[in-house]
Amino acid sequence: MSEFQCIDSTQAATLIEQGAGVADIRDPQSFSQGHISGSFNLSNENLHQFMHDADMDKPLLVCCYHGISSQSAAQFLIEQGFDEVYSINGGFEAWRVEQPNLCEQG
């Protein structure tokens, strides 16, 4: 995959069931109030460590507030060598409505 793909929450949930990782790029306060189950909060502060530890062959989903910022982040991660990166359409706002059983609250 040389470019990221935008996918809906149903497709994303399937990938998560298959072992995909989820990077949430929202601010830490928003992340702590609620996020996709099993996701981690990726920021400029932990990006270097994430890149060092990441399995770049494993699918990675990127989530933001509404699905806009995650597209830039997904493209950046593709450029850094990740093989399979997805941006979740609608971001966490859509996810919490469409997949409430796969949310963790702070």
C-alpha atoms as a PDB file:
ATOM      1  CA  MET A   1       0.000   0.000   0.000  1.00  0.00           C
ATOM      2  CA  SER A   2       1.649   3.249  -1.074  1.00  0.00           C
ATOM      3  CA  GLU A   3      -1.208   5.456   0.126  1.00  0.00           C
ATOM      4  CA  PHE A   4      -3.484   5.326   3.116  1.00  0.00           C
ATOM      5  CA  GLN A   5      -7.142   4.435   2.696  1.00  0.00           C
ATOM      6  CA  CYS A   6     -10.221   6.002   4.292  1.00  0.00           C
ATOM      7  CA  ILE A   7     -12.556   3.406   5.782  1.00  0.00           C
ATOM      8  CA  ASP A   8     -15.789   3.466   7.763  1.00  0.00           C
ATOM      9  CA  SER A   9     -16.211   2.289  11.334  1.00  0.00           C
ATOM     10  CA  THR A  10     -17.509  -1.151  10.320  1.00  0.00           C
ATOM     11  CA  GLN A  11     -14.437  -1.836   8.197  1.00  0.00           C
ATOM     12  CA  ALA A  12     -12.242  -0.477  10.983  1.00  0.00           C
ATOM     13  CA  ALA A  13     -13.887  -2.720  13.589  1.00  0.00           C
ATOM     14  CA  THR A  14     -13.191  -5.740  11.388  1.00  0.00           C
ATOM     15  CA  LEU A  15      -9.524  -4.775  11.067  1.00  0.00           C
ATOM     16  CA  ILE A  16      -9.273  -4.294  14.836  1.00  0.00           C
ATOM     17  CA  GLU A  17     -10.730  -7.782  15.359  1.00  0.00           C
ATOM     18  CA  GLN A  18      -7.983  -9.050  13.039  1.00  0.00           C
ATOM     19  CA  GLY A  19      -5.264  -7.384  15.127  1.00  0.00           C
ATOM     20  CA  ALA A  20      -4.827  -3.914  13.651  1.00  0.00           C
ATOM     21  CA  GLY A  21      -3.482  -1.204  15.934  1.00  0.00           C
ATOM     22  CA  VAL A  22      -5.313   2.080  16.515  1.00  0.00           C
ATOM     23  CA  ALA A  23      -3.526   5.405  16.950  1.00  0.00           C
ATOM     24  CA  ASP A  24      -5.721   8.215  18.300  1.00  0.00           C
ATOM     25  CA  ILE A  25      -4.182  11.609  17.515  1.00  0.00           C
ATOM     26  CA  ARG A  26      -6.627  13.721  19.514  1.00  0.00           C
ATOM     27  CA  ASP A  27      -5.392  15.706  22.498  1.00  0.00           C
ATOM     28  CA  PRO A  28      -4.729  13.736  25.709  1.00  0.00           C
ATOM     29  CA  GLN A  29      -7.725  15.231  27.537  1.00  0.00           C
ATOM     30  CA  SER A  30     -10.167  14.181  24.800  1.00  0.00           C
ATOM     31  CA  PHE A  31      -8.541  10.747  24.633  1.00  0.00           C
ATOM     32  CA  SER A  32      -8.897  10.310  28.408  1.00  0.00           C
ATOM     33  CA  GLN A  33     -12.616  11.162  28.203  1.00  0.00           C
ATOM     34  CA  GLY A  34     -13.256   8.396  25.667  1.00  0.00           C
ATOM     35  CA  HIS A  35     -11.521   6.462  22.911  1.00  0.00           C
ATOM     36  CA  ILE A  36     -11.651   3.342  20.755  1.00  0.00           C
ATOM     37  CA  SER A  37     -11.055   0.264  22.893  1.00  0.00           C
ATOM     38  CA  GLY A  38      -7.412  -0.769  22.738  1.00  0.00           C
ATOM     39  CA  SER A  39      -6.228   2.431  21.052  1.00  0.00           C
ATOM     40  CA  PHE A  40      -3.273   4.510  22.176  1.00  0.00           C
ATOM     41  CA  ASN A  41      -2.841   8.258  22.174  1.00  0.00           C
ATOM     42  CA  LEU A  42      -0.209   9.230  19.602  1.00  0.00           C
ATOM     43  CA  SER A  43       1.258  12.710  19.905  1.00  0.00           C
ATOM     44  CA  ASN A  44       4.382  14.643  18.990  1.00  0.00           C
ATOM     45  CA  GLU A  45       5.716  13.794  22.456  1.00  0.00           C
ATOM     46  CA  ASN A  46       5.617  10.013  21.951  1.00  0.00           C
ATOM     47  CA  LEU A  47       5.970   9.796  18.152  1.00  0.00           C
ATOM     48  CA  HIS A  48       9.686   8.964  18.223  1.00  0.00           C
ATOM     49  CA  GLN A  49       9.193   6.109  20.696  1.00  0.00           C
ATOM     50  CA  PHE A  50       6.174   4.862  18.755  1.00  0.00           C
ATOM     51  CA  MET A  51       8.173   4.802  15.519  1.00  0.00           C
ATOM     52  CA  HIS A  52      10.985   2.938  17.269  1.00  0.00           C
ATOM     53  CA  ASP A  53       8.687   0.276  18.749  1.00  0.00           C
ATOM     54  CA  ALA A  54       6.110  -0.085  15.964  1.00  0.00           C
ATOM     55  CA  ASP A  55       5.572  -3.136  13.809  1.00  0.00           C
ATOM     56  CA  MET A  56       5.383  -1.402  10.439  1.00  0.00           C
ATOM     57  CA  ASP A  57       3.985  -4.540   8.778  1.00  0.00           C
ATOM     58  CA  LYS A  58       0.905  -4.570  11.024  1.00  0.00           C
ATOM     59  CA  PRO A  59      -2.193  -2.656   9.841  1.00  0.00           C
ATOM     60  CA  LEU A  60      -2.630   0.671  11.635  1.00  0.00           C
ATOM     61  CA  LEU A  61      -5.801   2.744  11.923  1.00  0.00           C
ATOM     62  CA  VAL A  62      -5.591   6.460  12.668  1.00  0.00           C
ATOM     63  CA  CYS A  63      -8.403   8.262  14.461  1.00  0.00           C
ATOM     64  CA  CYS A  64      -8.950  11.970  15.150  1.00  0.00           C
ATOM     65  CA  TYR A  65     -12.025  14.053  16.017  1.00  0.00           C
ATOM     66  CA  HIS A  66     -13.888  14.023  12.687  1.00  0.00           C
ATOM     67  CA  GLY A  67     -11.688  12.111  10.222  1.00  0.00           C
ATOM     68  CA  ILE A  68      -9.844  15.080   8.702  1.00  0.00           C
ATOM     69  CA  SER A  69      -6.563  15.376  10.642  1.00  0.00           C
ATOM     70  CA  SER A  70      -6.169  11.608  10.642  1.00  0.00           C
ATOM     71  CA  GLN A  71      -5.740  11.686   6.870  1.00  0.00           C
ATOM     72  CA  SER A  72      -2.582  13.818   7.141  1.00  0.00           C
ATOM     73  CA  ALA A  73      -1.281  11.650   9.961  1.00  0.00           C
ATOM     74  CA  ALA A  74      -1.997   8.482   7.976  1.00  0.00           C
ATOM     75  CA  GLN A  75      -0.123   9.847   4.977  1.00  0.00           C
ATOM     76  CA  PHE A  76       2.820  10.777   7.216  1.00  0.00           C
ATOM     77  CA  LEU A  77       2.928   7.240   8.639  1.00  0.00           C
ATOM     78  CA  ILE A  78       2.867   5.732   5.134  1.00  0.00           C
ATOM     79  CA  GLU A  79       5.812   7.986   4.249  1.00  0.00           C
ATOM     80  CA  GLN A  80       7.644   6.724   7.348  1.00  0.00           C
ATOM     81  CA  GLY A  81       7.434   3.139   6.104  1.00  0.00           C
ATOM     82  CA  PHE A  82       4.197   1.685   7.436  1.00  0.00           C
ATOM     83  CA  ASP A  83       2.778  -0.813   4.949  1.00  0.00           C
ATOM     84  CA  GLU A  84      -0.940  -0.545   5.698  1.00  0.00           C
ATOM     85  CA  VAL A  85      -2.499   2.605   7.200  1.00  0.00           C
ATOM     86  CA  TYR A  86      -6.158   3.635   7.346  1.00  0.00           C
ATOM     87  CA  SER A  87      -7.956   6.820   8.343  1.00  0.00           C
ATOM     88  CA  ILE A  88     -11.326   6.291  10.022  1.00  0.00           C
ATOM     89  CA  ASN A  89     -14.080   8.294   8.318  1.00  0.00           C
ATOM     90  CA  GLY A  90     -15.898  10.552  10.762  1.00  0.00           C
ATOM     91  CA  GLY A  91     -13.230  10.099  13.421  1.00  0.00           C
ATOM     92  CA  PHE A  92     -14.099   9.343  17.027  1.00  0.00           C
ATOM     93  CA  GLU A  93     -17.298  11.379  16.807  1.00  0.00           C
ATOM     94  CA  ALA A  94     -18.711   8.907  14.271  1.00  0.00           C
ATOM     95  CA  TRP A  95     -17.108   5.902  15.990  1.00  0.00           C
ATOM     96  CA  ARG A  96     -18.770   6.543  19.370  1.00  0.00           C
ATOM     97  CA  VAL A  97     -22.194   6.657  17.673  1.00  0.00           C
ATOM     98  CA  GLU A  98     -21.655   3.740  15.276  1.00  0.00           C
ATOM     99  CA  GLN A  99     -19.545   1.442  17.492  1.00  0.00           C
ATOM    100  CA  PRO A 100     -20.465   2.310  21.110  1.00  0.00           C
ATOM    101  CA  ASN A 101     -19.652  -1.220  22.294  1.00  0.00           C
ATOM    102  CA  LEU A 102     -16.031  -0.678  21.195  1.00  0.00           C
ATOM    103  CA  CYS A 103     -15.453   2.504  23.217  1.00  0.00           C
ATOM    104  CA  GLU A 104     -13.693   3.030  26.512  1.00  0.00           C
ATOM    105  CA  GLN A 105     -14.663   5.954  28.713  1.00  0.00           C
ATOM    106  CA  GLY A 106     -12.199   7.815  30.907  1.00  0.00           C
END
